[in-house]
Amino acid sequence: MSKDNKSGGKTATDPSAKDTHYATLRRAHRDAKRERGEIPTPQPQKRKRGGEDWKPPALAPDQVHLYGLHTVRAALDNPERKKIKLFVTQNALARLEVDVEALGIPYELVSPQEIDKVLGPEAIHQGVMLETRPLPVRRLEALKESPLLLVLDQVTDPHNVGAIMRSAVAFNAGAVITTQRHSPTESGVLAKSASGALELIPYIQVTNLADALGELHKLGFSTIGLDSEGPAPLEGTFSGEKVALVLGSEGKGLRQKTRETVNALARLDMPGAIKSLNVSNAAAIALYAARLHLKA
């Protein structure tokens, strides 16, 4: 110990070593809260410098880049996810808490700037990026045993869809079903917003939503479309032992064909001055109400 002190090294009792240890713990705790959505992620203002000319690299149709500690950790734990290569900084590797040698996939230690070149200067990647293939395609028939589904009618914002996925997983929904057009495909932005939920729930994109709703009817689901002008409150509209909640896009709501196809339209009663909610907030409330019905 005396030798360390003479050479300027830090001992276990060195105050600066303690400060570093506690700073690491605080950073890990703060990062965990951000991943869970409990505190906002700071805007990457410093990293925008020089990013005006950045252009995303062309990706193959079967190529997906996932990023963020929680997102990548969930993807690595998912046996259905085909992993191609892990790119990680030395600092992020320690925080990722995985044995990269045991992963069975190639990995490369890189700088944060190298990941920036692939993802862009605004991506909050936390020093880790995983190249993968998209998850396997799921069919509606496989959902017949699930009592609760969530259907999205052209919800376009990947941040909203990611937040909806988190709520769907929290309330044990069997899948999130959406349209192939005017809906986000599987991507790093969607996965980061879902914060691991993309690996935990099927994300099914269908060609024709009305046909898909008809198939759900055949599987025994009662489909309820949420509409601010619905004829009855949501809690009084539930029926049956299988429920599929249908939510419309951020601006236009449910399309006319969807409104005509669902079994019922219902509203969320809000006694306050604001009468509409962000679609991800509405989804969480509707899922909670549906769970209360299914438990009764």
C-alpha atoms as a PDB file:
ATOM      1  CA  MET A   1       0.000   0.000   0.000  1.00  0.00           C
ATOM      2  CA  SER A   2       2.863   2.364   0.782  1.00  0.00           C
ATOM      3  CA  LYS A   3       4.286   1.655  -2.655  1.00  0.00           C
ATOM      4  CA  ASP A   4       0.982   2.632  -4.297  1.00  0.00           C
ATOM      5  CA  ASN A   5       0.899   5.847  -2.279  1.00  0.00           C
ATOM      6  CA  LYS A   6       4.414   6.757  -3.313  1.00  0.00           C
ATOM      7  CA  SER A   7       3.700   6.179  -6.986  1.00  0.00           C
ATOM      8  CA  GLY A   8       0.528   8.236  -6.900  1.00  0.00           C
ATOM      9  CA  GLY A   9      -1.843   5.238  -7.059  1.00  0.00           C
ATOM     10  CA  LYS A  10      -5.225   5.216  -5.293  1.00  0.00           C
ATOM     11  CA  THR A  11      -5.850   2.959  -2.345  1.00  0.00           C
ATOM     12  CA  ALA A  12      -9.200   1.514  -1.256  1.00  0.00           C
ATOM     13  CA  THR A  13      -9.409   4.217   1.404  1.00  0.00           C
ATOM     14  CA  ASP A  14      -8.488   7.059  -0.919  1.00  0.00           C
ATOM     15  CA  PRO A  15     -11.377   9.617  -0.855  1.00  0.00           C
ATOM     16  CA  SER A  16     -11.082  10.135  -4.600  1.00  0.00           C
ATOM     17  CA  ALA A  17     -11.502   6.386  -5.185  1.00  0.00           C
ATOM     18  CA  LYS A  18     -14.681   6.449  -3.093  1.00  0.00           C
ATOM     19  CA  ASP A  19     -15.940   9.430  -5.060  1.00  0.00           C
ATOM     20  CA  THR A  20     -15.348   7.568  -8.322  1.00  0.00           C
ATOM     21  CA  HIS A  21     -17.135   4.486  -6.994  1.00  0.00           C
ATOM     22  CA  TYR A  22     -20.199   6.443  -5.864  1.00  0.00           C
ATOM     23  CA  ALA A  23     -20.259   8.441  -9.100  1.00  0.00           C
ATOM     24  CA  THR A  24     -20.357   5.149 -11.014  1.00  0.00           C
ATOM     25  CA  LEU A  25     -23.254   3.925  -8.864  1.00  0.00           C
ATOM     26  CA  ARG A  26     -25.158   7.171  -9.330  1.00  0.00           C
ATOM     27  CA  ARG A  27     -24.660   7.044 -13.097  1.00  0.00           C
ATOM     28  CA  ALA A  28     -25.850   3.429 -13.247  1.00  0.00           C
ATOM     29  CA  HIS A  29     -28.935   4.272 -11.166  1.00  0.00           C
ATOM     30  CA  ARG A  30     -29.700   7.301 -13.344  1.00  0.00           C
ATOM     31  CA  ASP A  31     -29.279   5.273 -16.551  1.00  0.00           C
ATOM     32  CA  ALA A  32     -31.616   2.574 -15.229  1.00  0.00           C
ATOM     33  CA  LYS A  33     -34.315   5.166 -14.490  1.00  0.00           C
ATOM     34  CA  ARG A  34     -33.939   6.628 -17.969  1.00  0.00           C
ATOM     35  CA  GLU A  35     -34.269   3.186 -19.548  1.00  0.00           C
ATOM     36  CA  ARG A  36     -37.499   2.614 -17.596  1.00  0.00           C
ATOM     37  CA  GLY A  37     -38.819   5.986 -18.765  1.00  0.00           C
ATOM     38  CA  GLU A  38     -38.976   7.397 -15.222  1.00  0.00           C
ATOM     39  CA  ILE A  39     -36.816  10.402 -16.079  1.00  0.00           C
ATOM     40  CA  PRO A  40     -36.318  12.034 -19.493  1.00  0.00           C
ATOM     41  CA  THR A  41     -33.250  11.396 -21.615  1.00  0.00           C
ATOM     42  CA  PRO A  42     -31.269  14.609 -22.070  1.00  0.00           C
ATOM     43  CA  GLN A  43     -31.240  16.040 -25.562  1.00  0.00           C
ATOM     44  CA  PRO A  44     -27.925  15.312 -27.304  1.00  0.00           C
ATOM     45  CA  GLN A  45     -27.125  18.958 -27.962  1.00  0.00           C
ATOM     46  CA  LYS A  46     -23.361  18.560 -27.743  1.00  0.00           C
ATOM     47  CA  ARG A  47     -23.336  15.631 -30.116  1.00  0.00           C
ATOM     48  CA  LYS A  48     -25.219  17.525 -32.822  1.00  0.00           C
ATOM     49  CA  ARG A  49     -22.122  19.505 -33.767  1.00  0.00           C
ATOM     50  CA  GLY A  50     -20.977  18.500 -37.187  1.00  0.00           C
ATOM     51  CA  GLY A  51     -23.992  16.241 -37.623  1.00  0.00           C
ATOM     52  CA  GLU A  52     -25.843  18.399 -40.121  1.00  0.00           C
ATOM     53  CA  ASP A  53     -24.207  16.560 -43.021  1.00  0.00           C
ATOM     54  CA  TRP A  54     -24.743  13.058 -41.637  1.00  0.00           C
ATOM     55  CA  LYS A  55     -26.613  10.649 -43.859  1.00  0.00           C
ATOM     56  CA  PRO A  56     -27.767   7.232 -42.661  1.00  0.00           C
ATOM     57  CA  PRO A  57     -25.995   4.290 -44.272  1.00  0.00           C
ATOM     58  CA  ALA A  58     -28.107   2.096 -46.532  1.00  0.00           C
ATOM     59  CA  LEU A  59     -29.410  -0.977 -44.697  1.00  0.00           C
ATOM     60  CA  ALA A  60     -30.394  -4.270 -46.249  1.00  0.00           C
ATOM     61  CA  PRO A  61     -34.074  -5.273 -45.816  1.00  0.00           C
ATOM     62  CA  ASP A  62     -33.067  -7.912 -43.263  1.00  0.00           C
ATOM     63  CA  GLN A  63     -30.640  -5.673 -41.350  1.00  0.00           C
ATOM     64  CA  VAL A  64     -31.596  -4.010 -38.044  1.00  0.00           C
ATOM     65  CA  HIS A  65     -29.363  -1.947 -35.775  1.00  0.00           C
ATOM     66  CA  LEU A  66     -30.429  -1.979 -32.123  1.00  0.00           C
ATOM     67  CA  TYR A  67     -28.812   0.346 -29.604  1.00  0.00           C
ATOM     68  CA  GLY A  68     -28.925   1.363 -25.949  1.00  0.00           C
ATOM     69  CA  LEU A  69     -27.865  -0.741 -22.981  1.00  0.00           C
ATOM     70  CA  HIS A  70     -31.295  -2.029 -21.956  1.00  0.00           C
ATOM     71  CA  THR A  71     -32.430  -2.635 -25.536  1.00  0.00           C
ATOM     72  CA  VAL A  72     -29.305  -4.546 -26.521  1.00  0.00           C
ATOM     73  CA  ARG A  73     -29.281  -6.544 -23.288  1.00  0.00           C
ATOM     74  CA  ALA A  74     -32.872  -7.641 -23.926  1.00  0.00           C
ATOM     75  CA  ALA A  75     -32.037  -8.573 -27.517  1.00  0.00           C
ATOM     76  CA  LEU A  76     -29.041 -10.640 -26.411  1.00  0.00           C
ATOM     77  CA  ASP A  77     -31.290 -12.500 -23.957  1.00  0.00           C
ATOM     78  CA  ASN A  78     -33.917 -13.248 -26.619  1.00  0.00           C
ATOM     79  CA  PRO A  79     -33.332 -16.717 -28.157  1.00  0.00           C
ATOM     80  CA  GLU A  80     -35.572 -15.814 -31.117  1.00  0.00           C
ATOM     81  CA  ARG A  81     -33.411 -12.841 -32.071  1.00  0.00           C
ATOM     82  CA  LYS A  82     -30.687 -13.667 -34.637  1.00  0.00           C
ATOM     83  CA  LYS A  83     -27.627 -11.639 -33.670  1.00  0.00           C
ATOM     84  CA  ILE A  84     -24.949 -10.760 -36.209  1.00  0.00           C
ATOM     85  CA  LYS A  85     -22.352  -8.558 -34.482  1.00  0.00           C
ATOM     86  CA  LEU A  86     -21.962  -6.461 -31.345  1.00  0.00           C
ATOM     87  CA  PHE A  87     -20.232  -3.077 -31.419  1.00  0.00           C
ATOM     88  CA  VAL A  88     -19.420  -1.749 -27.971  1.00  0.00           C
ATOM     89  CA  THR A  89     -17.155   0.715 -26.206  1.00  0.00           C
ATOM     90  CA  GLN A  90     -14.932  -0.454 -23.390  1.00  0.00           C
ATOM     91  CA  ASN A  91     -16.952   1.530 -20.849  1.00  0.00           C
ATOM     92  CA  ALA A  92     -20.301   0.258 -22.163  1.00  0.00           C
ATOM     93  CA  LEU A  93     -19.027  -3.319 -22.136  1.00  0.00           C
ATOM     94  CA  ALA A  94     -18.548  -3.129 -18.379  1.00  0.00           C
ATOM     95  CA  ARG A  95     -22.021  -1.650 -17.915  1.00  0.00           C
ATOM     96  CA  LEU A  96     -23.645  -4.155 -20.278  1.00  0.00           C
ATOM     97  CA  GLU A  97     -22.737  -6.933 -17.800  1.00  0.00           C
ATOM     98  CA  VAL A  98     -22.512  -9.768 -20.323  1.00  0.00           C
ATOM     99  CA  ASP A  99     -19.778 -12.293 -21.096  1.00  0.00           C
ATOM    100  CA  VAL A 100     -19.051 -11.358 -24.700  1.00  0.00           C
ATOM    101  CA  GLU A 101     -16.853 -14.399 -25.185  1.00  0.00           C
ATOM    102  CA  ALA A 102     -19.806 -16.644 -24.318  1.00  0.00           C
ATOM    103  CA  LEU A 103     -22.250 -14.890 -26.650  1.00  0.00           C
ATOM    104  CA  GLY A 104     -21.191 -16.878 -29.666  1.00  0.00           C
ATOM    105  CA  ILE A 105     -21.259 -13.837 -31.969  1.00  0.00           C
ATOM    106  CA  PRO A 106     -18.504 -11.529 -33.229  1.00  0.00           C
ATOM    107  CA  TYR A 107     -17.902  -8.338 -31.285  1.00  0.00           C
ATOM    108  CA  GLU A 108     -15.751  -5.283 -31.799  1.00  0.00           C
ATOM    109  CA  LEU A 109     -14.516  -2.690 -29.323  1.00  0.00           C
ATOM    110  CA  VAL A 110     -15.147   0.734 -30.851  1.00  0.00           C
ATOM    111  CA  SER A 111     -15.270   4.409 -29.937  1.00  0.00           C
ATOM    112  CA  PRO A 112     -18.570   6.283 -29.450  1.00  0.00           C
ATOM    113  CA  GLN A 113     -17.793   8.272 -32.594  1.00  0.00           C
ATOM    114  CA  GLU A 114     -17.681   5.108 -34.692  1.00  0.00           C
ATOM    115  CA  ILE A 115     -21.214   4.211 -33.570  1.00  0.00           C
ATOM    116  CA  ASP A 116     -22.292   7.803 -34.257  1.00  0.00           C
ATOM    117  CA  LYS A 117     -21.252   7.351 -37.884  1.00  0.00           C
ATOM    118  CA  VAL A 118     -23.756   4.491 -38.244  1.00  0.00           C
ATOM    119  CA  LEU A 119     -26.644   5.715 -36.077  1.00  0.00           C
ATOM    120  CA  GLY A 120     -26.292   9.464 -36.397  1.00  0.00           C
ATOM    121  CA  PRO A 121     -25.340  12.176 -33.900  1.00  0.00           C
ATOM    122  CA  GLU A 122     -28.729  12.238 -32.157  1.00  0.00           C
ATOM    123  CA  ALA A 123     -28.997   8.547 -31.249  1.00  0.00           C
ATOM    124  CA  ILE A 124     -28.599   7.919 -27.513  1.00  0.00           C
ATOM    125  CA  HIS A 125     -26.732   4.647 -27.986  1.00  0.00           C
ATOM    126  CA  GLN A 126     -24.862   4.604 -24.647  1.00  0.00           C
ATOM    127  CA  GLY A 127     -21.845   3.098 -26.374  1.00  0.00           C
ATOM    128  CA  VAL A 128     -23.439  -0.103 -27.673  1.00  0.00           C
ATOM    129  CA  MET A 129     -24.975  -1.228 -30.973  1.00  0.00           C
ATOM    130  CA  LEU A 130     -26.108  -4.694 -32.049  1.00  0.00           C
ATOM    131  CA  GLU A 131     -26.536  -5.686 -35.686  1.00  0.00           C
ATOM    132  CA  THR A 132     -29.374  -8.206 -35.956  1.00  0.00           C
ATOM    133  CA  ARG A 133     -31.983  -9.722 -38.225  1.00  0.00           C
ATOM    134  CA  PRO A 134     -35.692  -8.849 -37.754  1.00  0.00           C
ATOM    135  CA  LEU A 135     -37.688 -11.030 -35.399  1.00  0.00           C
ATOM    136  CA  PRO A 136     -39.627 -13.955 -36.917  1.00  0.00           C
ATOM    137  CA  VAL A 137     -43.004 -13.125 -38.450  1.00  0.00           C
ATOM    138  CA  ARG A 138     -45.968 -14.085 -36.244  1.00  0.00           C
ATOM    139  CA  ARG A 139     -49.437 -15.066 -37.445  1.00  0.00           C
ATOM    140  CA  LEU A 140     -52.736 -14.038 -35.873  1.00  0.00           C
ATOM    141  CA  GLU A 141     -53.726 -17.686 -35.490  1.00  0.00           C
ATOM    142  CA  ALA A 142     -50.952 -18.092 -32.925  1.00  0.00           C
ATOM    143  CA  LEU A 143     -52.700 -15.527 -30.671  1.00  0.00           C
ATOM    144  CA  LYS A 144     -55.920 -17.458 -30.121  1.00  0.00           C
ATOM    145  CA  GLU A 145     -54.948 -18.308 -26.534  1.00  0.00           C
ATOM    146  CA  SER A 146     -54.199 -14.684 -25.586  1.00  0.00           C
ATOM    147  CA  PRO A 147     -57.096 -12.943 -23.788  1.00  0.00           C
ATOM    148  CA  LEU A 148     -55.876  -9.392 -24.525  1.00  0.00           C
ATOM    149  CA  LEU A 149     -54.501  -7.828 -27.718  1.00  0.00           C
ATOM    150  CA  LEU A 150     -53.692  -4.299 -28.807  1.00  0.00           C
ATOM    151  CA  VAL A 151     -54.390  -3.163 -32.385  1.00  0.00           C
ATOM    152  CA  LEU A 152     -53.016   0.082 -33.847  1.00  0.00           C
ATOM    153  CA  ASP A 153     -54.643   1.743 -36.845  1.00  0.00           C
ATOM    154  CA  GLN A 154     -51.771   3.552 -38.572  1.00  0.00           C
ATOM    155  CA  VAL A 155     -50.001   4.913 -35.493  1.00  0.00           C
ATOM    156  CA  THR A 156     -46.914   6.315 -37.217  1.00  0.00           C
ATOM    157  CA  ASP A 157     -44.587   7.637 -34.507  1.00  0.00           C
ATOM    158  CA  PRO A 158     -42.059   4.935 -33.444  1.00  0.00           C
ATOM    159  CA  HIS A 159     -41.676   6.630 -30.054  1.00  0.00           C
ATOM    160  CA  ASN A 160     -45.415   6.251 -29.427  1.00  0.00           C
ATOM    161  CA  VAL A 161     -45.436   2.655 -30.646  1.00  0.00           C
ATOM    162  CA  GLY A 162     -42.440   1.859 -28.447  1.00  0.00           C
ATOM    163  CA  ALA A 163     -44.163   3.359 -25.387  1.00  0.00           C
ATOM    164  CA  ILE A 164     -47.330   1.411 -26.252  1.00  0.00           C
ATOM    165  CA  MET A 165     -45.290  -1.793 -26.407  1.00  0.00           C
ATOM    166  CA  ARG A 166     -43.987  -1.172 -22.896  1.00  0.00           C
ATOM    167  CA  SER A 167     -47.535  -0.780 -21.596  1.00  0.00           C
ATOM    168  CA  ALA A 168     -48.679  -3.852 -23.529  1.00  0.00           C
ATOM    169  CA  VAL A 169     -45.958  -5.954 -21.912  1.00  0.00           C
ATOM    170  CA  ALA A 170     -46.706  -4.489 -18.478  1.00  0.00           C
ATOM    171  CA  PHE A 171     -50.361  -5.526 -18.772  1.00  0.00           C
ATOM    172  CA  ASN A 172     -49.492  -8.902 -20.313  1.00  0.00           C
ATOM    173  CA  ALA A 173     -51.087  -8.334 -23.719  1.00  0.00           C
ATOM    174  CA  GLY A 174     -50.497 -11.110 -26.217  1.00  0.00           C
ATOM    175  CA  ALA A 175     -49.381  -8.929 -29.135  1.00  0.00           C
ATOM    176  CA  VAL A 176     -49.309  -5.494 -30.707  1.00  0.00           C
ATOM    177  CA  ILE A 177     -50.908  -5.647 -34.162  1.00  0.00           C
ATOM    178  CA  THR A 178     -50.495  -2.844 -36.678  1.00  0.00           C
ATOM    179  CA  THR A 179     -50.617  -2.087 -40.384  1.00  0.00           C
ATOM    180  CA  GLN A 180     -47.738  -2.614 -42.794  1.00  0.00           C
ATOM    181  CA  ARG A 181     -48.294   0.834 -44.298  1.00  0.00           C
ATOM    182  CA  HIS A 182     -48.155   4.038 -42.264  1.00  0.00           C
ATOM    183  CA  SER A 183     -46.648   2.242 -39.267  1.00  0.00           C
ATOM    184  CA  PRO A 184     -43.043   2.014 -38.070  1.00  0.00           C
ATOM    185  CA  THR A 185     -41.106  -1.087 -39.042  1.00  0.00           C
ATOM    186  CA  GLU A 186     -38.775  -2.825 -36.635  1.00  0.00           C
ATOM    187  CA  SER A 187     -35.898  -0.405 -36.077  1.00  0.00           C
ATOM    188  CA  GLY A 188     -33.418   0.909 -33.572  1.00  0.00           C
ATOM    189  CA  VAL A 189     -35.612   3.933 -32.775  1.00  0.00           C
ATOM    190  CA  LEU A 190     -38.647   1.721 -32.137  1.00  0.00           C
ATOM    191  CA  ALA A 191     -36.646  -0.745 -30.049  1.00  0.00           C
ATOM    192  CA  LYS A 192     -34.989   2.025 -27.999  1.00  0.00           C
ATOM    193  CA  SER A 193     -38.392   3.611 -27.287  1.00  0.00           C
ATOM    194  CA  ALA A 194     -39.763   0.202 -26.290  1.00  0.00           C
ATOM    195  CA  SER A 195     -36.784  -0.229 -23.936  1.00  0.00           C
ATOM    196  CA  GLY A 196     -36.614  -4.015 -24.273  1.00  0.00           C
ATOM    197  CA  ALA A 197     -40.343  -4.628 -24.815  1.00  0.00           C
ATOM    198  CA  LEU A 198     -39.841  -5.380 -28.532  1.00  0.00           C
ATOM    199  CA  GLU A 199     -38.152  -8.618 -27.468  1.00  0.00           C
ATOM    200  CA  LEU A 200     -41.012  -9.562 -25.144  1.00  0.00           C
ATOM    201  CA  ILE A 201     -44.159  -9.191 -27.262  1.00  0.00           C
ATOM    202  CA  PRO A 202     -45.021 -10.093 -30.881  1.00  0.00           C
ATOM    203  CA  TYR A 203     -45.179  -7.063 -33.180  1.00  0.00           C
ATOM    204  CA  ILE A 204     -47.423  -8.159 -36.043  1.00  0.00           C
ATOM    205  CA  GLN A 205     -47.884  -6.039 -39.167  1.00  0.00           C
ATOM    206  CA  VAL A 206     -50.861  -6.916 -41.357  1.00  0.00           C
ATOM    207  CA  THR A 207     -51.684  -5.928 -44.923  1.00  0.00           C
ATOM    208  CA  ASN A 208     -55.400  -5.263 -44.375  1.00  0.00           C
ATOM    209  CA  LEU A 209     -56.532  -4.210 -40.917  1.00  0.00           C
ATOM    210  CA  ALA A 210     -60.239  -4.813 -41.550  1.00  0.00           C
ATOM    211  CA  ASP A 211     -59.506  -8.400 -42.642  1.00  0.00           C
ATOM    212  CA  ALA A 212     -57.309  -8.878 -39.571  1.00  0.00           C
ATOM    213  CA  LEU A 213     -60.126  -7.660 -37.295  1.00  0.00           C
ATOM    214  CA  GLY A 214     -62.462 -10.112 -39.001  1.00  0.00           C
ATOM    215  CA  GLU A 215     -59.986 -12.902 -38.284  1.00  0.00           C
ATOM    216  CA  LEU A 216     -59.836 -11.848 -34.642  1.00  0.00           C
ATOM    217  CA  HIS A 217     -63.643 -12.030 -34.497  1.00  0.00           C
ATOM    218  CA  LYS A 218     -63.442 -15.625 -35.738  1.00  0.00           C
ATOM    219  CA  LEU A 219     -60.916 -16.353 -32.980  1.00  0.00           C
ATOM    220  CA  GLY A 220     -63.441 -15.143 -30.389  1.00  0.00           C
ATOM    221  CA  PHE A 221     -62.169 -11.631 -29.709  1.00  0.00           C
ATOM    222  CA  SER A 222     -64.443  -8.697 -28.941  1.00  0.00           C
ATOM    223  CA  THR A 223     -62.909  -5.712 -30.735  1.00  0.00           C
ATOM    224  CA  ILE A 224     -63.368  -2.265 -29.184  1.00  0.00           C
ATOM    225  CA  GLY A 225     -62.290   0.888 -30.983  1.00  0.00           C
ATOM    226  CA  LEU A 226     -61.346   3.868 -28.840  1.00  0.00           C
ATOM    227  CA  ASP A 227     -62.973   7.065 -30.081  1.00  0.00           C
ATOM    228  CA  SER A 228     -63.263  10.369 -28.261  1.00  0.00           C
ATOM    229  CA  GLU A 229     -66.898  10.525 -29.390  1.00  0.00           C
ATOM    230  CA  GLY A 230     -67.700   6.894 -28.652  1.00  0.00           C
ATOM    231  CA  PRO A 231     -71.301   6.235 -27.564  1.00  0.00           C
ATOM    232  CA  ALA A 232     -70.387   4.727 -24.187  1.00  0.00           C
ATOM    233  CA  PRO A 233     -67.546   4.741 -21.647  1.00  0.00           C
ATOM    234  CA  LEU A 234     -64.926   2.052 -22.213  1.00  0.00           C
ATOM    235  CA  GLU A 235     -65.488   0.350 -18.857  1.00  0.00           C
ATOM    236  CA  GLY A 236     -69.122  -0.348 -19.746  1.00  0.00           C
ATOM    237  CA  THR A 237     -68.389  -1.673 -23.213  1.00  0.00           C
ATOM    238  CA  PHE A 238     -66.366  -4.807 -22.452  1.00  0.00           C
ATOM    239  CA  SER A 239     -67.865  -8.214 -23.123  1.00  0.00           C
ATOM    240  CA  GLY A 240     -66.577 -11.751 -23.424  1.00  0.00           C
ATOM    241  CA  GLU A 241     -63.342 -13.369 -22.309  1.00  0.00           C
ATOM    242  CA  LYS A 242     -61.138 -12.065 -25.125  1.00  0.00           C
ATOM    243  CA  VAL A 243     -60.605  -8.369 -25.844  1.00  0.00           C
ATOM    244  CA  ALA A 244     -58.772  -6.598 -28.665  1.00  0.00           C
ATOM    245  CA  LEU A 245     -58.402  -2.852 -28.098  1.00  0.00           C
ATOM    246  CA  VAL A 246     -58.128  -0.784 -31.280  1.00  0.00           C
ATOM    247  CA  LEU A 247     -56.504   2.674 -31.226  1.00  0.00           C
ATOM    248  CA  GLY A 248     -56.254   5.158 -34.080  1.00  0.00           C
ATOM    249  CA  SER A 249     -53.469   7.369 -35.354  1.00  0.00           C
ATOM    250  CA  GLU A 250     -52.128  10.368 -33.446  1.00  0.00           C
ATOM    251  CA  GLY A 251     -54.051  12.940 -35.494  1.00  0.00           C
ATOM    252  CA  LYS A 252     -56.935  11.348 -37.388  1.00  0.00           C
ATOM    253  CA  GLY A 253     -57.925   8.612 -34.967  1.00  0.00           C
ATOM    254  CA  LEU A 254     -59.634   5.488 -36.289  1.00  0.00           C
ATOM    255  CA  ARG A 255     -60.253   5.290 -40.016  1.00  0.00           C
ATOM    256  CA  GLN A 256     -63.857   4.961 -41.171  1.00  0.00           C
ATOM    257  CA  LYS A 257     -63.409   1.355 -42.334  1.00  0.00           C
ATOM    258  CA  THR A 258     -61.977   0.416 -38.942  1.00  0.00           C
ATOM    259  CA  ARG A 259     -64.847   2.130 -37.141  1.00  0.00           C
ATOM    260  CA  GLU A 260     -67.285   0.093 -39.203  1.00  0.00           C
ATOM    261  CA  THR A 261     -65.455  -3.203 -38.581  1.00  0.00           C
ATOM    262  CA  VAL A 262     -64.945  -3.210 -34.794  1.00  0.00           C
ATOM    263  CA  ASN A 263     -67.656  -4.711 -32.577  1.00  0.00           C
ATOM    264  CA  ALA A 264     -68.033  -1.505 -30.574  1.00  0.00           C
ATOM    265  CA  LEU A 265     -66.798   2.057 -30.205  1.00  0.00           C
ATOM    266  CA  ALA A 266     -66.052   3.445 -26.760  1.00  0.00           C
ATOM    267  CA  ARG A 267     -64.581   6.555 -25.195  1.00  0.00           C
ATOM    268  CA  LEU A 268     -62.341   7.286 -22.263  1.00  0.00           C
ATOM    269  CA  ASP A 269     -64.348   9.546 -19.957  1.00  0.00           C
ATOM    270  CA  MET A 270     -62.192  12.466 -18.807  1.00  0.00           C
ATOM    271  CA  PRO A 271     -63.852  14.949 -16.431  1.00  0.00           C
ATOM    272  CA  GLY A 272     -61.065  17.513 -16.716  1.00  0.00           C
ATOM    273  CA  ALA A 273     -60.619  20.389 -19.147  1.00  0.00           C
ATOM    274  CA  ILE A 274     -58.455  18.282 -21.507  1.00  0.00           C
ATOM    275  CA  LYS A 275     -60.519  15.723 -23.426  1.00  0.00           C
ATOM    276  CA  SER A 276     -57.842  13.918 -25.423  1.00  0.00           C
ATOM    277  CA  LEU A 277     -54.644  12.072 -24.573  1.00  0.00           C
ATOM    278  CA  ASN A 278     -51.518  10.998 -26.380  1.00  0.00           C
ATOM    279  CA  VAL A 279     -52.188   7.593 -27.960  1.00  0.00           C
ATOM    280  CA  SER A 280     -49.606   5.870 -25.749  1.00  0.00           C
ATOM    281  CA  ASN A 281     -51.260   7.248 -22.594  1.00  0.00           C
ATOM    282  CA  ALA A 282     -54.705   6.236 -23.854  1.00  0.00           C
ATOM    283  CA  ALA A 283     -53.392   2.741 -24.576  1.00  0.00           C
ATOM    284  CA  ALA A 284     -52.094   2.330 -21.024  1.00  0.00           C
ATOM    285  CA  ILE A 285     -55.418   3.405 -19.490  1.00  0.00           C
ATOM    286  CA  ALA A 286     -57.403   1.154 -21.840  1.00  0.00           C
ATOM    287  CA  LEU A 287     -55.163  -1.826 -21.092  1.00  0.00           C
ATOM    288  CA  TYR A 288     -55.648  -1.305 -17.364  1.00  0.00           C
ATOM    289  CA  ALA A 289     -59.435  -1.147 -17.794  1.00  0.00           C
ATOM    290  CA  ALA A 290     -59.399  -4.266 -19.964  1.00  0.00           C
ATOM    291  CA  ARG A 291     -57.410  -6.165 -17.344  1.00  0.00           C
ATOM    292  CA  LEU A 292     -59.962  -5.245 -14.685  1.00  0.00           C
ATOM    293  CA  HIS A 293     -62.720  -6.648 -16.907  1.00  0.00           C
ATOM    294  CA  LEU A 294     -60.806  -9.873 -17.624  1.00  0.00           C
ATOM    295  CA  LYS A 295     -60.135 -10.420 -13.917  1.00  0.00           C
ATOM    296  CA  ALA A 296     -63.805 -10.004 -12.956  1.00  0.00           C
END
